[in-house]
Amino acid sequence: MKNEATLQKIRETLEMIRPYLQADGGDISLVDVTDDMVVKVKLLGACGCCPHSIQTLKSGVEQTLKREIPEVKEVVAV
């Protein structure tokens, strides 16, 4: 279940990931976190149209968030 501390940890973790995405001309923004801990993000810039964006999302962003915040169930792009 989400709470303000968990939301802050998600934001901080995305800030850790952001420089890697920006290095390739992309970015990420947090859209929502559902009550069942599905994190919804929007991939921006080069990441928004890259053919590898799903791999980046699942292998990079999702795995990092799950490692830092075990309550996270999934990360999806919207």
N, C-alpha and C. Protein backbone atom coordinates (compact mmCIF):
# COMPACT_ATOMS: atom_id res chain seq x y z
N MET A 1 0.85 -1.18 0.00
CA MET A 1 0.00 0.00 0.00
C MET A 1 0.89 1.25 0.00
N LYS A 2 0.52 2.22 -0.80
CA LYS A 2 1.35 3.41 -0.92
C LYS A 2 1.10 4.38 0.23
N ASN A 3 2.16 5.05 0.63
CA ASN A 3 2.08 6.13 1.60
C ASN A 3 3.09 7.19 1.17
N GLU A 4 3.11 8.31 1.85
CA GLU A 4 3.97 9.41 1.41
C GLU A 4 5.45 9.04 1.45
N ALA A 5 5.87 8.26 2.44
CA ALA A 5 7.27 7.85 2.51
C ALA A 5 7.65 6.96 1.32
N THR A 6 6.75 6.07 0.94
CA THR A 6 7.00 5.20 -0.21
C THR A 6 7.03 6.02 -1.50
N LEU A 7 6.11 6.96 -1.64
CA LEU A 7 6.10 7.81 -2.83
C LEU A 7 7.39 8.62 -2.93
N GLN A 8 7.88 9.11 -1.79
CA GLN A 8 9.13 9.87 -1.79
C GLN A 8 10.30 8.97 -2.20
N LYS A 9 10.32 7.75 -1.72
CA LYS A 9 11.39 6.81 -2.08
C LYS A 9 11.35 6.50 -3.58
N ILE A 10 10.14 6.37 -4.14
CA ILE A 10 10.00 6.14 -5.58
C ILE A 10 10.56 7.34 -6.34
N ARG A 11 10.20 8.54 -5.92
CA ARG A 11 10.71 9.76 -6.58
C ARG A 11 12.24 9.81 -6.51
N GLU A 12 12.79 9.50 -5.34
CA GLU A 12 14.25 9.54 -5.18
C GLU A 12 14.94 8.50 -6.06
N THR A 13 14.35 7.33 -6.16
CA THR A 13 14.92 6.28 -6.99
C THR A 13 14.87 6.67 -8.46
N LEU A 14 13.78 7.27 -8.89
CA LEU A 14 13.70 7.74 -10.28
C LEU A 14 14.75 8.82 -10.55
N GLU A 15 15.03 9.64 -9.56
CA GLU A 15 16.08 10.65 -9.71
C GLU A 15 17.46 10.00 -9.88
N MET A 16 17.67 8.86 -9.25
CA MET A 16 18.94 8.12 -9.42
C MET A 16 19.05 7.57 -10.84
N ILE A 17 17.93 7.14 -11.40
CA ILE A 17 17.89 6.54 -12.74
C ILE A 17 17.97 7.60 -13.84
N ARG A 18 17.41 8.76 -13.58
CA ARG A 18 17.25 9.81 -14.59
C ARG A 18 18.54 10.14 -15.36
N PRO A 19 19.70 10.30 -14.71
CA PRO A 19 20.91 10.66 -15.48
C PRO A 19 21.27 9.63 -16.56
N TYR A 20 21.00 8.37 -16.32
CA TYR A 20 21.30 7.34 -17.31
C TYR A 20 20.40 7.49 -18.54
N LEU A 21 19.15 7.82 -18.31
CA LEU A 21 18.23 8.04 -19.42
C LEU A 21 18.58 9.33 -20.16
N GLN A 22 18.94 10.36 -19.41
CA GLN A 22 19.28 11.64 -20.02
C GLN A 22 20.55 11.54 -20.86
N ALA A 23 21.45 10.66 -20.47
CA ALA A 23 22.69 10.48 -21.24
C ALA A 23 22.40 9.98 -22.65
N ASP A 24 21.27 9.32 -22.84
CA ASP A 24 20.87 8.82 -24.15
C ASP A 24 19.79 9.70 -24.79
N GLY A 25 19.58 10.89 -24.25
CA GLY A 25 18.61 11.81 -24.82
C GLY A 25 17.18 11.60 -24.36
N GLY A 26 16.99 10.84 -23.31
CA GLY A 26 15.65 10.56 -22.81
C GLY A 26 15.43 11.11 -21.43
N ASP A 27 14.29 10.78 -20.88
CA ASP A 27 13.96 11.18 -19.52
C ASP A 27 12.77 10.35 -19.06
N ILE A 28 12.37 10.54 -17.82
CA ILE A 28 11.25 9.79 -17.25
C ILE A 28 10.50 10.70 -16.30
N SER A 29 9.19 10.53 -16.25
CA SER A 29 8.41 11.26 -15.26
C SER A 29 7.43 10.30 -14.59
N LEU A 30 7.22 10.52 -13.31
CA LEU A 30 6.28 9.72 -12.54
C LEU A 30 4.87 10.23 -12.80
N VAL A 31 3.99 9.33 -13.22
CA VAL A 31 2.61 9.70 -13.51
C VAL A 31 1.71 9.37 -12.32
N ASP A 32 1.84 8.14 -11.80
CA ASP A 32 0.95 7.70 -10.72
C ASP A 32 1.52 6.45 -10.08
N VAL A 33 1.08 6.19 -8.88
CA VAL A 33 1.34 4.92 -8.20
C VAL A 33 -0.01 4.42 -7.73
N THR A 34 -0.41 3.25 -8.20
CA THR A 34 -1.72 2.72 -7.83
C THR A 34 -1.70 2.19 -6.40
N ASP A 35 -2.86 1.94 -5.86
CA ASP A 35 -2.96 1.41 -4.50
C ASP A 35 -2.32 0.04 -4.38
N ASP A 36 -2.26 -0.71 -5.50
CA ASP A 36 -1.62 -2.02 -5.45
C ASP A 36 -0.16 -1.97 -5.91
N MET A 37 0.43 -0.75 -5.84
CA MET A 37 1.86 -0.53 -6.04
C MET A 37 2.36 -0.81 -7.46
N VAL A 38 1.54 -0.45 -8.44
CA VAL A 38 2.00 -0.42 -9.82
C VAL A 38 2.41 1.02 -10.10
N VAL A 39 3.67 1.20 -10.49
CA VAL A 39 4.21 2.53 -10.76
C VAL A 39 4.00 2.85 -12.24
N LYS A 40 3.32 3.96 -12.49
CA LYS A 40 3.06 4.39 -13.87
C LYS A 40 3.99 5.55 -14.19
N VAL A 41 4.75 5.39 -15.27
CA VAL A 41 5.71 6.41 -15.68
C VAL A 41 5.50 6.77 -17.14
N LYS A 42 6.03 7.91 -17.51
CA LYS A 42 6.04 8.32 -18.91
C LYS A 42 7.49 8.46 -19.33
N LEU A 43 7.85 7.74 -20.39
CA LEU A 43 9.19 7.86 -20.95
C LEU A 43 9.18 9.03 -21.92
N LEU A 44 10.16 9.89 -21.81
CA LEU A 44 10.20 11.14 -22.57
C LEU A 44 11.41 11.19 -23.49
N GLY A 45 11.39 12.11 -24.43
CA GLY A 45 12.51 12.32 -25.33
C GLY A 45 12.79 11.08 -26.15
N ALA A 46 14.07 10.77 -26.29
CA ALA A 46 14.48 9.61 -27.09
C ALA A 46 13.91 8.31 -26.52
N CYS A 47 13.70 8.25 -25.22
CA CYS A 47 13.16 7.03 -24.61
C CYS A 47 11.71 6.78 -25.01
N GLY A 48 11.00 7.83 -25.35
CA GLY A 48 9.60 7.69 -25.71
C GLY A 48 9.37 6.97 -27.02
N CYS A 49 10.35 7.03 -27.91
CA CYS A 49 10.17 6.42 -29.23
C CYS A 49 11.24 5.37 -29.54
N CYS A 50 12.08 5.06 -28.59
CA CYS A 50 13.16 4.10 -28.80
C CYS A 50 12.60 2.67 -28.88
N PRO A 51 13.10 1.87 -29.84
CA PRO A 51 12.62 0.49 -29.92
C PRO A 51 13.03 -0.35 -28.70
N HIS A 52 13.98 0.13 -27.92
CA HIS A 52 14.42 -0.60 -26.73
C HIS A 52 13.78 -0.08 -25.45
N SER A 53 12.78 0.78 -25.58
CA SER A 53 12.21 1.42 -24.39
C SER A 53 11.57 0.41 -23.43
N ILE A 54 10.95 -0.64 -23.94
CA ILE A 54 10.34 -1.65 -23.05
C ILE A 54 11.43 -2.36 -22.26
N GLN A 55 12.53 -2.67 -22.92
CA GLN A 55 13.66 -3.31 -22.23
C GLN A 55 14.22 -2.37 -21.16
N THR A 56 14.38 -1.10 -21.51
CA THR A 56 14.85 -0.12 -20.54
C THR A 56 13.90 -0.05 -19.35
N LEU A 57 12.61 -0.02 -19.66
CA LEU A 57 11.61 0.09 -18.61
C LEU A 57 11.65 -1.12 -17.67
N LYS A 58 11.66 -2.32 -18.23
CA LYS A 58 11.59 -3.53 -17.42
C LYS A 58 12.94 -3.90 -16.78
N SER A 59 14.00 -3.86 -17.57
CA SER A 59 15.31 -4.30 -17.07
C SER A 59 16.01 -3.22 -16.25
N GLY A 60 15.74 -1.97 -16.57
CA GLY A 60 16.41 -0.89 -15.86
C GLY A 60 15.55 -0.30 -14.77
N VAL A 61 14.49 0.37 -15.18
CA VAL A 61 13.66 1.12 -14.24
C VAL A 61 12.94 0.19 -13.26
N GLU A 62 12.24 -0.81 -13.78
CA GLU A 62 11.47 -1.70 -12.90
C GLU A 62 12.37 -2.46 -11.93
N GLN A 63 13.45 -3.01 -12.42
CA GLN A 63 14.33 -3.78 -11.53
C GLN A 63 14.95 -2.91 -10.45
N THR A 64 15.32 -1.67 -10.81
CA THR A 64 15.89 -0.77 -9.82
C THR A 64 14.85 -0.39 -8.77
N LEU A 65 13.65 -0.05 -9.22
CA LEU A 65 12.61 0.30 -8.25
C LEU A 65 12.26 -0.88 -7.34
N LYS A 66 12.16 -2.08 -7.89
CA LYS A 66 11.84 -3.25 -7.07
C LYS A 66 12.96 -3.56 -6.07
N ARG A 67 14.19 -3.33 -6.48
CA ARG A 67 15.33 -3.57 -5.58
C ARG A 67 15.31 -2.58 -4.42
N GLU A 68 15.02 -1.31 -4.73
CA GLU A 68 15.02 -0.26 -3.71
C GLU A 68 13.75 -0.26 -2.87
N ILE A 69 12.63 -0.62 -3.50
CA ILE A 69 11.32 -0.60 -2.83
C ILE A 69 10.61 -1.91 -3.14
N PRO A 70 10.81 -2.93 -2.30
CA PRO A 70 10.26 -4.26 -2.58
C PRO A 70 8.73 -4.29 -2.74
N GLU A 71 8.04 -3.29 -2.21
CA GLU A 71 6.58 -3.26 -2.33
C GLU A 71 6.11 -3.02 -3.76
N VAL A 72 6.98 -2.45 -4.61
CA VAL A 72 6.61 -2.18 -6.00
C VAL A 72 6.36 -3.50 -6.72
N LYS A 73 5.19 -3.60 -7.34
CA LYS A 73 4.81 -4.84 -8.04
C LYS A 73 5.23 -4.80 -9.51
N GLU A 74 5.09 -3.62 -10.14
CA GLU A 74 5.35 -3.53 -11.58
C GLU A 74 5.53 -2.06 -11.93
N VAL A 75 6.24 -1.83 -13.04
CA VAL A 75 6.36 -0.49 -13.61
C VAL A 75 5.81 -0.56 -15.03
N VAL A 76 4.90 0.35 -15.35
CA VAL A 76 4.31 0.38 -16.69
C VAL A 76 4.44 1.79 -17.27
N ALA A 77 4.57 1.84 -18.60
CA ALA A 77 4.61 3.11 -19.31
C ALA A 77 3.19 3.49 -19.71
N VAL A 78 2.87 4.74 -19.56
CA VAL A 78 1.54 5.22 -19.97
C VAL A 78 1.69 6.36 -20.96
